[in-house]
Amino acid sequence: MTTDFSRESVKRIAELSRLHLSEDEITQYQKELAKIIQAFNALSQVPLPKELLGDARSALGMAKGIGADDSLSRMCSDEAKNSIATHDFLAQSPDREGVFVRVPAILASST
């Protein structure tokens, strides 16, 4: 996976985030985003014990606690009020796979 970000990609991210960036900031964010992706690529190479992987997630290489219905990752109690139930949320999602919802990519894929 490439870690280079084009100026157009940075501008698109800024536009979606409603940020107004100078040309210097665009150059700076190109470098910073590349470093962030490199860090995530390095983390994705760390082997995880099987106890941390669920059946469906092991095929995807994803740790437990990431899905919409898991509570393993909670660091404190979550007391949300008037929120939608997980099954209702998933029922309204037009493109999903199990408990995961597909969303449109905001960056072009390099593959």
PDB file of N, CA and C in Angstrom:
ATOM      1  N   MET A   1       0.846  -1.184   0.000  1.00  0.00           N
ATOM      2  CA  MET A   1       0.000   0.000   0.000  1.00  0.00           C
ATOM      3  C   MET A   1       0.884   1.236   0.000  1.00  0.00           C
ATOM      4  N   THR A   2       0.549   2.139  -0.862  1.00  0.00           N
ATOM      5  CA  THR A   2       1.326   3.369  -0.930  1.00  0.00           C
ATOM      6  C   THR A   2       0.968   4.285   0.229  1.00  0.00           C
ATOM      7  N   THR A   3       1.955   5.050   0.680  1.00  0.00           N
ATOM      8  CA  THR A   3       1.697   5.984   1.779  1.00  0.00           C
ATOM      9  C   THR A   3       1.803   7.423   1.303  1.00  0.00           C
ATOM     10  N   ASP A   4       1.935   7.623  -0.002  1.00  0.00           N
ATOM     11  CA  ASP A   4       2.014   8.976  -0.537  1.00  0.00           C
ATOM     12  C   ASP A   4       0.608   9.556  -0.680  1.00  0.00           C
ATOM     13  N   PHE A   5       0.486  10.822  -0.373  1.00  0.00           N
ATOM     14  CA  PHE A   5      -0.783  11.523  -0.528  1.00  0.00           C
ATOM     15  C   PHE A   5      -0.590  12.635  -1.541  1.00  0.00           C
ATOM     16  N   SER A   6      -1.459  12.657  -2.537  1.00  0.00           N
ATOM     17  CA  SER A   6      -1.389  13.733  -3.522  1.00  0.00           C
ATOM     18  C   SER A   6      -1.983  14.999  -2.917  1.00  0.00           C
ATOM     19  N   ARG A   7      -1.638  16.108  -3.509  1.00  0.00           N
ATOM     20  CA  ARG A   7      -2.203  17.386  -3.058  1.00  0.00           C
ATOM     21  C   ARG A   7      -3.729  17.346  -3.202  1.00  0.00           C
ATOM     22  N   GLU A   8      -4.205  16.700  -4.267  1.00  0.00           N
ATOM     23  CA  GLU A   8      -5.641  16.607  -4.494  1.00  0.00           C
ATOM     24  C   GLU A   8      -6.324  15.812  -3.388  1.00  0.00           C
ATOM     25  N   SER A   9      -5.675  14.738  -2.913  1.00  0.00           N
ATOM     26  CA  SER A   9      -6.247  13.945  -1.821  1.00  0.00           C
ATOM     27  C   SER A   9      -6.345  14.763  -0.544  1.00  0.00           C
ATOM     28  N   VAL A  10      -5.300  15.511  -0.238  1.00  0.00           N
ATOM     29  CA  VAL A  10      -5.312  16.351   0.963  1.00  0.00           C
ATOM     30  C   VAL A  10      -6.393  17.424   0.832  1.00  0.00           C
ATOM     31  N   LYS A  11      -6.498  18.015  -0.350  1.00  0.00           N
ATOM     32  CA  LYS A  11      -7.534  19.034  -0.562  1.00  0.00           C
ATOM     33  C   LYS A  11      -8.927  18.432  -0.407  1.00  0.00           C
ATOM     34  N   ARG A  12      -9.109  17.214  -0.901  1.00  0.00           N
ATOM     35  CA  ARG A  12     -10.412  16.538  -0.794  1.00  0.00           C
ATOM     36  C   ARG A  12     -10.756  16.250   0.668  1.00  0.00           C
ATOM     37  N   ILE A  13      -9.785  15.770   1.430  1.00  0.00           N
ATOM     38  CA  ILE A  13     -10.011  15.519   2.856  1.00  0.00           C
ATOM     39  C   ILE A  13     -10.359  16.823   3.563  1.00  0.00           C
ATOM     40  N   ALA A  14      -9.637  17.879   3.241  1.00  0.00           N
ATOM     41  CA  ALA A  14      -9.904  19.187   3.848  1.00  0.00           C
ATOM     42  C   ALA A  14     -11.312  19.665   3.487  1.00  0.00           C
ATOM     43  N   GLU A  15     -11.688  19.485   2.234  1.00  0.00           N
ATOM     44  CA  GLU A  15     -13.025  19.891   1.789  1.00  0.00           C
ATOM     45  C   GLU A  15     -14.103  19.122   2.549  1.00  0.00           C
ATOM     46  N   LEU A  16     -13.929  17.800   2.666  1.00  0.00           N
ATOM     47  CA  LEU A  16     -14.900  16.987   3.393  1.00  0.00           C
ATOM     48  C   LEU A  16     -14.955  17.351   4.870  1.00  0.00           C
ATOM     49  N   SER A  17     -13.836  17.828   5.401  1.00  0.00           N
ATOM     50  CA  SER A  17     -13.751  18.232   6.808  1.00  0.00           C
ATOM     51  C   SER A  17     -14.108  19.698   7.006  1.00  0.00           C
ATOM     52  N   ARG A  18     -14.395  20.358   5.906  1.00  0.00           N
ATOM     53  CA  ARG A  18     -14.721  21.795   5.915  1.00  0.00           C
ATOM     54  C   ARG A  18     -13.578  22.625   6.498  1.00  0.00           C
ATOM     55  N   LEU A  19     -12.364  22.267   6.088  1.00  0.00           N
ATOM     56  CA  LEU A  19     -11.173  23.008   6.496  1.00  0.00           C
ATOM     57  C   LEU A  19     -10.663  23.823   5.317  1.00  0.00           C
ATOM     58  N   HIS A  20     -10.162  24.989   5.603  1.00  0.00           N
ATOM     59  CA  HIS A  20      -9.546  25.831   4.577  1.00  0.00           C
ATOM     60  C   HIS A  20      -8.045  25.825   4.849  1.00  0.00           C
ATOM     61  N   LEU A  21      -7.286  25.193   3.943  1.00  0.00           N
ATOM     62  CA  LEU A  21      -5.849  25.038   4.139  1.00  0.00           C
ATOM     63  C   LEU A  21      -5.065  25.912   3.176  1.00  0.00           C
ATOM     64  N   SER A  22      -3.963  26.462   3.677  1.00  0.00           N
ATOM     65  CA  SER A  22      -3.041  27.195   2.810  1.00  0.00           C
ATOM     66  C   SER A  22      -2.200  26.176   2.041  1.00  0.00           C
ATOM     67  N   GLU A  23      -1.476  26.640   1.041  1.00  0.00           N
ATOM     68  CA  GLU A  23      -0.611  25.743   0.269  1.00  0.00           C
ATOM     69  C   GLU A  23       0.452  25.105   1.164  1.00  0.00           C
ATOM     70  N   ASP A  24       0.989  25.871   2.116  1.00  0.00           N
ATOM     71  CA  ASP A  24       1.978  25.323   3.054  1.00  0.00           C
ATOM     72  C   ASP A  24       1.363  24.240   3.934  1.00  0.00           C
ATOM     73  N   GLU A  25       0.131  24.456   4.367  1.00  0.00           N
ATOM     74  CA  GLU A  25      -0.542  23.458   5.202  1.00  0.00           C
ATOM     75  C   GLU A  25      -0.828  22.183   4.415  1.00  0.00           C
ATOM     76  N   ILE A  26      -1.170  22.327   3.148  1.00  0.00           N
ATOM     77  CA  ILE A  26      -1.411  21.153   2.306  1.00  0.00           C
ATOM     78  C   ILE A  26      -0.143  20.321   2.214  1.00  0.00           C
ATOM     79  N   THR A  27       0.987  20.977   1.983  1.00  0.00           N
ATOM     80  CA  THR A  27       2.274  20.276   1.919  1.00  0.00           C
ATOM     81  C   THR A  27       2.578  19.593   3.244  1.00  0.00           C
ATOM     82  N   GLN A  28       2.346  20.297   4.337  1.00  0.00           N
ATOM     83  CA  GLN A  28       2.597  19.740   5.671  1.00  0.00           C
ATOM     84  C   GLN A  28       1.710  18.514   5.916  1.00  0.00           C
ATOM     85  N   TYR A  29       0.423  18.603   5.583  1.00  0.00           N
ATOM     86  CA  TYR A  29      -0.498  17.494   5.815  1.00  0.00           C
ATOM     87  C   TYR A  29      -0.200  16.303   4.907  1.00  0.00           C
ATOM     88  N   GLN A  30       0.332  16.549   3.717  1.00  0.00           N
ATOM     89  CA  GLN A  30       0.746  15.434   2.860  1.00  0.00           C
ATOM     90  C   GLN A  30       1.755  14.568   3.607  1.00  0.00           C
ATOM     91  N   LYS A  31       2.742  15.210   4.212  1.00  0.00           N
ATOM     92  CA  LYS A  31       3.783  14.489   4.948  1.00  0.00           C
ATOM     93  C   LYS A  31       3.216  13.822   6.198  1.00  0.00           C
ATOM     94  N   GLU A  32       2.381  14.552   6.940  1.00  0.00           N
ATOM     95  CA  GLU A  32       1.843  14.019   8.190  1.00  0.00           C
ATOM     96  C   GLU A  32       0.897  12.843   7.953  1.00  0.00           C
ATOM     97  N   LEU A  33       0.059  12.928   6.927  1.00  0.00           N
ATOM     98  CA  LEU A  33      -0.841  11.821   6.622  1.00  0.00           C
ATOM     99  C   LEU A  33      -0.063  10.584   6.193  1.00  0.00           C
ATOM    100  N   ALA A  34       1.008  10.779   5.450  1.00  0.00           N
ATOM    101  CA  ALA A  34       1.852   9.649   5.051  1.00  0.00           C
ATOM    102  C   ALA A  34       2.450   8.970   6.281  1.00  0.00           C
ATOM    103  N   LYS A  35       2.898   9.755   7.262  1.00  0.00           N
ATOM    104  CA  LYS A  35       3.454   9.184   8.496  1.00  0.00           C
ATOM    105  C   LYS A  35       2.394   8.419   9.288  1.00  0.00           C
ATOM    106  N   ILE A  36       1.187   8.950   9.328  1.00  0.00           N
ATOM    107  CA  ILE A  36       0.103   8.275  10.047  1.00  0.00           C
ATOM    108  C   ILE A  36      -0.200   6.928   9.403  1.00  0.00           C
ATOM    109  N   ILE A  37      -0.297   6.909   8.079  1.00  0.00           N
ATOM    110  CA  ILE A  37      -0.578   5.655   7.376  1.00  0.00           C
ATOM    111  C   ILE A  37       0.560   4.663   7.582  1.00  0.00           C
ATOM    112  N   GLN A  38       1.804   5.134   7.571  1.00  0.00           N
ATOM    113  CA  GLN A  38       2.940   4.247   7.837  1.00  0.00           C
ATOM    114  C   GLN A  38       2.825   3.630   9.225  1.00  0.00           C
ATOM    115  N   ALA A  39       2.418   4.426  10.211  1.00  0.00           N
ATOM    116  CA  ALA A  39       2.267   3.913  11.575  1.00  0.00           C
ATOM    117  C   ALA A  39       1.170   2.849  11.631  1.00  0.00           C
ATOM    118  N   PHE A  40       0.043   3.097  10.962  1.00  0.00           N
ATOM    119  CA  PHE A  40      -1.031   2.104  10.952  1.00  0.00           C
ATOM    120  C   PHE A  40      -0.611   0.845  10.201  1.00  0.00           C
ATOM    121  N   ASN A  41       0.140   0.999   9.125  1.00  0.00           N
ATOM    122  CA  ASN A  41       0.639  -0.173   8.408  1.00  0.00           C
ATOM    123  C   ASN A  41       1.540  -1.006   9.304  1.00  0.00           C
ATOM    124  N   ALA A  42       2.386  -0.344  10.101  1.00  0.00           N
ATOM    125  CA  ALA A  42       3.260  -1.064  11.033  1.00  0.00           C
ATOM    126  C   ALA A  42       2.422  -1.785  12.087  1.00  0.00           C
ATOM    127  N   LEU A  43       1.396  -1.123  12.609  1.00  0.00           N
ATOM    128  CA  LEU A  43       0.534  -1.751  13.617  1.00  0.00           C
ATOM    129  C   LEU A  43      -0.228  -2.940  13.044  1.00  0.00           C
ATOM    130  N   SER A  44      -0.597  -2.860  11.785  1.00  0.00           N
ATOM    131  CA  SER A  44      -1.360  -3.955  11.191  1.00  0.00           C
ATOM    132  C   SER A  44      -0.520  -5.221  11.048  1.00  0.00           C
ATOM    133  N   GLN A  45       0.790  -5.102  11.170  1.00  0.00           N
ATOM    134  CA  GLN A  45       1.672  -6.258  11.072  1.00  0.00           C
ATOM    135  C   GLN A  45       1.871  -6.968  12.409  1.00  0.00           C
ATOM    136  N   VAL A  46       1.386  -6.375  13.504  1.00  0.00           N
ATOM    137  CA  VAL A  46       1.549  -6.970  14.828  1.00  0.00           C
ATOM    138  C   VAL A  46       0.623  -8.172  14.941  1.00  0.00           C
ATOM    139  N   PRO A  47       1.175  -9.351  15.267  1.00  0.00           N
ATOM    140  CA  PRO A  47       0.313 -10.530  15.405  1.00  0.00           C
ATOM    141  C   PRO A  47      -0.557 -10.424  16.660  1.00  0.00           C
ATOM    142  N   LEU A  48      -1.800 -10.861  16.543  1.00  0.00           N
ATOM    143  CA  LEU A  48      -2.726 -10.841  17.672  1.00  0.00           C
ATOM    144  C   LEU A  48      -3.023 -12.268  18.118  1.00  0.00           C
ATOM    145  N   PRO A  49      -3.129 -12.490  19.428  1.00  0.00           N
ATOM    146  CA  PRO A  49      -3.505 -13.823  19.912  1.00  0.00           C
ATOM    147  C   PRO A  49      -4.903 -14.189  19.428  1.00  0.00           C
ATOM    148  N   LYS A  50      -5.139 -15.469  19.200  1.00  0.00           N
ATOM    149  CA  LYS A  50      -6.439 -15.914  18.694  1.00  0.00           C
ATOM    150  C   LYS A  50      -7.578 -15.567  19.638  1.00  0.00           C
ATOM    151  N   GLU A  51      -7.294 -15.442  20.947  1.00  0.00           N
ATOM    152  CA  GLU A  51      -8.349 -15.103  21.901  1.00  0.00           C
ATOM    153  C   GLU A  51      -8.938 -13.728  21.602  1.00  0.00           C
ATOM    154  N   LEU A  52      -8.164 -12.857  20.971  1.00  0.00           N
ATOM    155  CA  LEU A  52      -8.637 -11.512  20.665  1.00  0.00           C
ATOM    156  C   LEU A  52      -9.365 -11.431  19.334  1.00  0.00           C
ATOM    157  N   LEU A  53      -9.357 -12.527  18.596  1.00  0.00           N
ATOM    158  CA  LEU A  53     -10.000 -12.522  17.284  1.00  0.00           C
ATOM    159  C   LEU A  53     -11.288 -13.323  17.319  1.00  0.00           C
ATOM    160  N   GLY A  54     -12.333 -12.795  16.743  1.00  0.00           N
ATOM    161  CA  GLY A  54     -13.588 -13.526  16.621  1.00  0.00           C
ATOM    162  C   GLY A  54     -13.567 -14.342  15.342  1.00  0.00           C
ATOM    163  N   ASP A  55     -14.539 -15.239  15.178  1.00  0.00           N
ATOM    164  CA  ASP A  55     -14.585 -16.103  13.998  1.00  0.00           C
ATOM    165  C   ASP A  55     -14.622 -15.312  12.697  1.00  0.00           C
ATOM    166  N   ALA A  56     -15.587 -14.418  12.561  1.00  0.00           N
ATOM    167  CA  ALA A  56     -15.714 -13.652  11.318  1.00  0.00           C
ATOM    168  C   ALA A  56     -14.571 -12.675  11.162  1.00  0.00           C
ATOM    169  N   ARG A  57     -14.116 -12.107  12.275  1.00  0.00           N
ATOM    170  CA  ARG A  57     -13.070 -11.099  12.205  1.00  0.00           C
ATOM    171  C   ARG A  57     -11.710 -11.703  11.879  1.00  0.00           C
ATOM    172  N   SER A  58     -11.497 -12.953  12.257  1.00  0.00           N
ATOM    173  CA  SER A  58     -10.189 -13.536  11.981  1.00  0.00           C
ATOM    174  C   SER A  58      -9.929 -13.587  10.481  1.00  0.00           C
ATOM    175  N   ALA A  59     -10.985 -13.810   9.699  1.00  0.00           N
ATOM    176  CA  ALA A  59     -10.826 -13.809   8.246  1.00  0.00           C
ATOM    177  C   ALA A  59     -10.502 -12.415   7.740  1.00  0.00           C
ATOM    178  N   LEU A  60     -11.016 -11.408   8.442  1.00  0.00           N
ATOM    179  CA  LEU A  60     -10.766 -10.027   8.049  1.00  0.00           C
ATOM    180  C   LEU A  60      -9.526  -9.463   8.709  1.00  0.00           C
ATOM    181  N   GLY A  61      -8.958 -10.195   9.688  1.00  0.00           N
ATOM    182  CA  GLY A  61      -7.783  -9.708  10.401  1.00  0.00           C
ATOM    183  C   GLY A  61      -8.103  -8.570  11.343  1.00  0.00           C
ATOM    184  N   MET A  62      -9.308  -8.549  11.871  1.00  0.00           N
ATOM    185  CA  MET A  62      -9.715  -7.454  12.745  1.00  0.00           C
ATOM    186  C   MET A  62      -9.873  -7.956  14.172  1.00  0.00           C
ATOM    187  N   ALA A  63      -9.454  -7.151  15.116  1.00  0.00           N
ATOM    188  CA  ALA A  63      -9.562  -7.504  16.527  1.00  0.00           C
ATOM    189  C   ALA A  63     -10.992  -7.336  17.007  1.00  0.00           C
ATOM    190  N   LYS A  64     -11.358  -8.110  18.034  1.00  0.00           N
ATOM    191  CA  LYS A  64     -12.675  -7.958  18.651  1.00  0.00           C
ATOM    192  C   LYS A  64     -12.798  -6.570  19.249  1.00  0.00           C
ATOM    193  N   GLY A  65     -13.999  -6.096  19.324  1.00  0.00           N
ATOM    194  CA  GLY A  65     -14.240  -4.792  19.930  1.00  0.00           C
ATOM    195  C   GLY A  65     -14.406  -3.684  18.914  1.00  0.00           C
ATOM    196  N   ILE A  66     -14.346  -4.025  17.633  1.00  0.00           N
ATOM    197  CA  ILE A  66     -14.460  -3.012  16.598  1.00  0.00           C
ATOM    198  C   ILE A  66     -15.877  -2.949  16.031  1.00  0.00           C
ATOM    199  N   GLY A  67     -16.605  -4.041  16.113  1.00  0.00           N
ATOM    200  CA  GLY A  67     -17.926  -4.112  15.513  1.00  0.00           C
ATOM    201  C   GLY A  67     -18.956  -3.251  16.212  1.00  0.00           C
ATOM    202  N   ALA A  68     -20.088  -3.075  15.546  1.00  0.00           N
ATOM    203  CA  ALA A  68     -21.146  -2.216  16.074  1.00  0.00           C
ATOM    204  C   ALA A  68     -21.794  -2.787  17.326  1.00  0.00           C
ATOM    205  N   ASP A  69     -21.710  -4.107  17.533  1.00  0.00           N
ATOM    206  CA  ASP A  69     -22.396  -4.697  18.680  1.00  0.00           C
ATOM    207  C   ASP A  69     -21.460  -5.145  19.797  1.00  0.00           C
ATOM    208  N   ASP A  70     -20.182  -4.873  19.711  1.00  0.00           N
ATOM    209  CA  ASP A  70     -19.238  -5.297  20.747  1.00  0.00           C
ATOM    210  C   ASP A  70     -19.058  -4.222  21.806  1.00  0.00           C
ATOM    211  N   SER A  71     -18.788  -4.653  23.018  1.00  0.00           N
ATOM    212  CA  SER A  71     -18.520  -3.692  24.082  1.00  0.00           C
ATOM    213  C   SER A  71     -17.164  -3.952  24.724  1.00  0.00           C
ATOM    214  N   LEU A  72     -16.338  -4.803  24.122  1.00  0.00           N
ATOM    215  CA  LEU A  72     -15.029  -5.128  24.687  1.00  0.00           C
ATOM    216  C   LEU A  72     -14.099  -3.929  24.780  1.00  0.00           C
ATOM    217  N   SER A  73     -14.214  -3.002  23.863  1.00  0.00           N
ATOM    218  CA  SER A  73     -13.273  -1.893  23.787  1.00  0.00           C
ATOM    219  C   SER A  73     -13.607  -0.739  24.722  1.00  0.00           C
ATOM    220  N   ARG A  74     -14.701  -0.817  25.400  1.00  0.00           N
ATOM    221  CA  ARG A  74     -15.117   0.305  26.236  1.00  0.00           C
ATOM    222  C   ARG A  74     -14.141   0.527  27.378  1.00  0.00           C
ATOM    223  N   MET A  75     -13.721   1.770  27.531  1.00  0.00           N
ATOM    224  CA  MET A  75     -12.807   2.129  28.602  1.00  0.00           C
ATOM    225  C   MET A  75     -13.576   2.675  29.799  1.00  0.00           C
ATOM    226  N   CYS A  76     -14.806   3.072  29.592  1.00  0.00           N
ATOM    227  CA  CYS A  76     -15.649   3.556  30.680  1.00  0.00           C
ATOM    228  C   CYS A  76     -17.085   3.195  30.325  1.00  0.00           C
ATOM    229  N   SER A  77     -17.969   3.286  31.291  1.00  0.00           N
ATOM    230  CA  SER A  77     -19.355   2.930  31.012  1.00  0.00           C
ATOM    231  C   SER A  77     -19.961   3.954  30.052  1.00  0.00           C
ATOM    232  N   ASP A  78     -20.731   3.454  29.133  1.00  0.00           N
ATOM    233  CA  ASP A  78     -21.373   4.301  28.140  1.00  0.00           C
ATOM    234  C   ASP A  78     -22.844   4.388  28.494  1.00  0.00           C
ATOM    235  N   GLU A  79     -23.301   5.563  28.809  1.00  0.00           N
ATOM    236  CA  GLU A  79     -24.681   5.736  29.215  1.00  0.00           C
ATOM    237  C   GLU A  79     -25.433   6.613  28.220  1.00  0.00           C
ATOM    238  N   ALA A  80     -25.388   6.243  26.967  1.00  0.00           N
ATOM    239  CA  ALA A  80     -26.073   7.019  25.930  1.00  0.00           C
ATOM    240  C   ALA A  80     -27.578   6.936  26.127  1.00  0.00           C
ATOM    241  N   LYS A  81     -28.240   8.006  25.882  1.00  0.00           N
ATOM    242  CA  LYS A  81     -29.701   8.068  26.008  1.00  0.00           C
ATOM    243  C   LYS A  81     -30.304   8.305  24.630  1.00  0.00           C
ATOM    244  N   ASN A  82     -31.509   7.786  24.434  1.00  0.00           N
ATOM    245  CA  ASN A  82     -32.253   7.983  23.187  1.00  0.00           C
ATOM    246  C   ASN A  82     -31.452   7.569  21.953  1.00  0.00           C
ATOM    247  N   SER A  83     -30.682   6.509  22.074  1.00  0.00           N
ATOM    248  CA  SER A  83     -29.915   6.049  20.917  1.00  0.00           C
ATOM    249  C   SER A  83     -30.660   4.909  20.233  1.00  0.00           C
ATOM    250  N   ILE A  84     -30.304   4.673  19.009  1.00  0.00           N
ATOM    251  CA  ILE A  84     -30.942   3.633  18.221  1.00  0.00           C
ATOM    252  C   ILE A  84     -30.335   2.276  18.591  1.00  0.00           C
ATOM    253  N   ALA A  85     -31.151   1.248  18.654  1.00  0.00           N
ATOM    254  CA  ALA A  85     -30.674  -0.102  18.951  1.00  0.00           C
ATOM    255  C   ALA A  85     -29.822  -0.591  17.786  1.00  0.00           C
ATOM    256  N   THR A  86     -28.837  -1.430  18.100  1.00  0.00           N
ATOM    257  CA  THR A  86     -27.909  -1.922  17.080  1.00  0.00           C
ATOM    258  C   THR A  86     -28.650  -2.583  15.923  1.00  0.00           C
ATOM    259  N   HIS A  87     -29.604  -3.473  16.233  1.00  0.00           N
ATOM    260  CA  HIS A  87     -30.303  -4.174  15.144  1.00  0.00           C
ATOM    261  C   HIS A  87     -31.122  -3.208  14.285  1.00  0.00           C
ATOM    262  N   ASP A  88     -31.680  -2.151  14.900  1.00  0.00           N
ATOM    263  CA  ASP A  88     -32.413  -1.145  14.121  1.00  0.00           C
ATOM    264  C   ASP A  88     -31.467  -0.354  13.221  1.00  0.00           C
ATOM    265  N   PHE A  89     -30.304   0.002  13.768  1.00  0.00           N
ATOM    266  CA  PHE A  89     -29.295   0.717  12.978  1.00  0.00           C
ATOM    267  C   PHE A  89     -28.862  -0.126  11.784  1.00  0.00           C
ATOM    268  N   LEU A  90     -28.550  -1.399  12.049  1.00  0.00           N
ATOM    269  CA  LEU A  90     -28.092  -2.271  10.969  1.00  0.00           C
ATOM    270  C   LEU A  90     -29.201  -2.508   9.944  1.00  0.00           C
ATOM    271  N   ALA A  91     -30.449  -2.569  10.394  1.00  0.00           N
ATOM    272  CA  ALA A  91     -31.570  -2.770   9.472  1.00  0.00           C
ATOM    273  C   ALA A  91     -31.717  -1.590   8.513  1.00  0.00           C
ATOM    274  N   GLN A  92     -31.304  -0.403   8.939  1.00  0.00           N
ATOM    275  CA  GLN A  92     -31.410   0.792   8.102  1.00  0.00           C
ATOM    276  C   GLN A  92     -30.185   0.998   7.212  1.00  0.00           C
ATOM    277  N   SER A  93     -29.173   0.173   7.387  1.00  0.00           N
ATOM    278  CA  SER A  93     -27.930   0.322   6.624  1.00  0.00           C
ATOM    279  C   SER A  93     -28.052  -0.439   5.312  1.00  0.00           C
ATOM    280  N   PRO A  94     -27.981   0.240   4.183  1.00  0.00           N
ATOM    281  CA  PRO A  94     -28.187  -0.420   2.899  1.00  0.00           C
ATOM    282  C   PRO A  94     -27.065  -1.372   2.498  1.00  0.00           C
ATOM    283  N   ASP A  95     -25.856  -1.136   2.951  1.00  0.00           N
ATOM    284  CA  ASP A  95     -24.726  -1.974   2.547  1.00  0.00           C
ATOM    285  C   ASP A  95     -23.975  -2.400   3.794  1.00  0.00           C
ATOM    286  N   ARG A  96     -24.176  -3.642   4.193  1.00  0.00           N
ATOM    287  CA  ARG A  96     -23.512  -4.115   5.400  1.00  0.00           C
ATOM    288  C   ARG A  96     -23.090  -5.559   5.227  1.00  0.00           C
ATOM    289  N   GLU A  97     -22.175  -5.976   6.093  1.00  0.00           N
ATOM    290  CA  GLU A  97     -21.699  -7.349   6.128  1.00  0.00           C
ATOM    291  C   GLU A  97     -21.650  -7.749   7.594  1.00  0.00           C
ATOM    292  N   GLY A  98     -22.625  -8.535   8.035  1.00  0.00           N
ATOM    293  CA  GLY A  98     -22.712  -8.885   9.445  1.00  0.00           C
ATOM    294  C   GLY A  98     -22.990  -7.635  10.260  1.00  0.00           C
ATOM    295  N   VAL A  99     -22.123  -7.356  11.228  1.00  0.00           N
ATOM    296  CA  VAL A  99     -22.300  -6.168  12.077  1.00  0.00           C
ATOM    297  C   VAL A  99     -21.490  -4.982  11.571  1.00  0.00           C
ATOM    298  N   PHE A 100     -20.924  -5.094  10.375  1.00  0.00           N
ATOM    299  CA  PHE A 100     -20.117  -4.023   9.808  1.00  0.00           C
ATOM    300  C   PHE A 100     -20.907  -3.300   8.723  1.00  0.00           C
ATOM    301  N   VAL A 101     -20.788  -1.984   8.691  1.00  0.00           N
ATOM    302  CA  VAL A 101     -21.480  -1.168   7.700  1.00  0.00           C
ATOM    303  C   VAL A 101     -20.454  -0.636   6.715  1.00  0.00           C
ATOM    304  N   ARG A 102     -20.729  -0.833   5.428  1.00  0.00           N
ATOM    305  CA  ARG A 102     -19.838  -0.296   4.401  1.00  0.00           C
ATOM    306  C   ARG A 102     -20.217   1.159   4.142  1.00  0.00           C
ATOM    307  N   VAL A 103     -19.191   1.998   4.039  1.00  0.00           N
ATOM    308  CA  VAL A 103     -19.399   3.413   3.733  1.00  0.00           C
ATOM    309  C   VAL A 103     -18.542   3.767   2.528  1.00  0.00           C
ATOM    310  N   PRO A 104     -18.898   4.818   1.799  1.00  0.00           N
ATOM    311  CA  PRO A 104     -18.106   5.195   0.625  1.00  0.00           C
ATOM    312  C   PRO A 104     -16.695   5.627   1.021  1.00  0.00           C
ATOM    313  N   ALA A 105     -15.736   5.260   0.193  1.00  0.00           N
ATOM    314  CA  ALA A 105     -14.353   5.689   0.411  1.00  0.00           C
ATOM    315  C   ALA A 105     -14.237   7.171   0.078  1.00  0.00           C
ATOM    316  N   ILE A 106     -13.399   7.873   0.832  1.00  0.00           N
ATOM    317  CA  ILE A 106     -13.182   9.283   0.506  1.00  0.00           C
ATOM    318  C   ILE A 106     -11.851   9.483  -0.202  1.00  0.00           C
ATOM    319  N   LEU A 107     -11.018   8.452  -0.208  1.00  0.00           N
ATOM    320  CA  LEU A 107      -9.749   8.499  -0.928  1.00  0.00           C
ATOM    321  C   LEU A 107      -9.763   7.415  -1.988  1.00  0.00           C
ATOM    322  N   ALA A 108      -9.201   7.691  -3.120  1.00  0.00           N
ATOM    323  CA  ALA A 108      -9.126   6.697  -4.179  1.00  0.00           C
ATOM    324  C   ALA A 108      -8.204   5.569  -3.749  1.00  0.00           C
ATOM    325  N   SER A 109      -8.579   4.344  -4.072  1.00  0.00           N
ATOM    326  CA  SER A 109      -7.764   3.176  -3.745  1.00  0.00           C
ATOM    327  C   SER A 109      -6.581   3.105  -4.694  1.00  0.00           C
ATOM    328  N   SER A 110      -5.442   2.677  -4.173  1.00  0.00           N
ATOM    329  CA  SER A 110      -4.245   2.568  -5.006  1.00  0.00           C
ATOM    330  C   SER A 110      -4.122   1.182  -5.612  1.00  0.00           C
ATOM    331  N   THR A 111      -5.086   0.276  -5.324  1.00  0.00           N
ATOM    332  CA  THR A 111      -5.018  -1.083  -5.855  1.00  0.00           C
ATOM    333  C   THR A 111      -5.857  -1.252  -7.076  1.00  0.00           C
TER     334      THR A 111
END
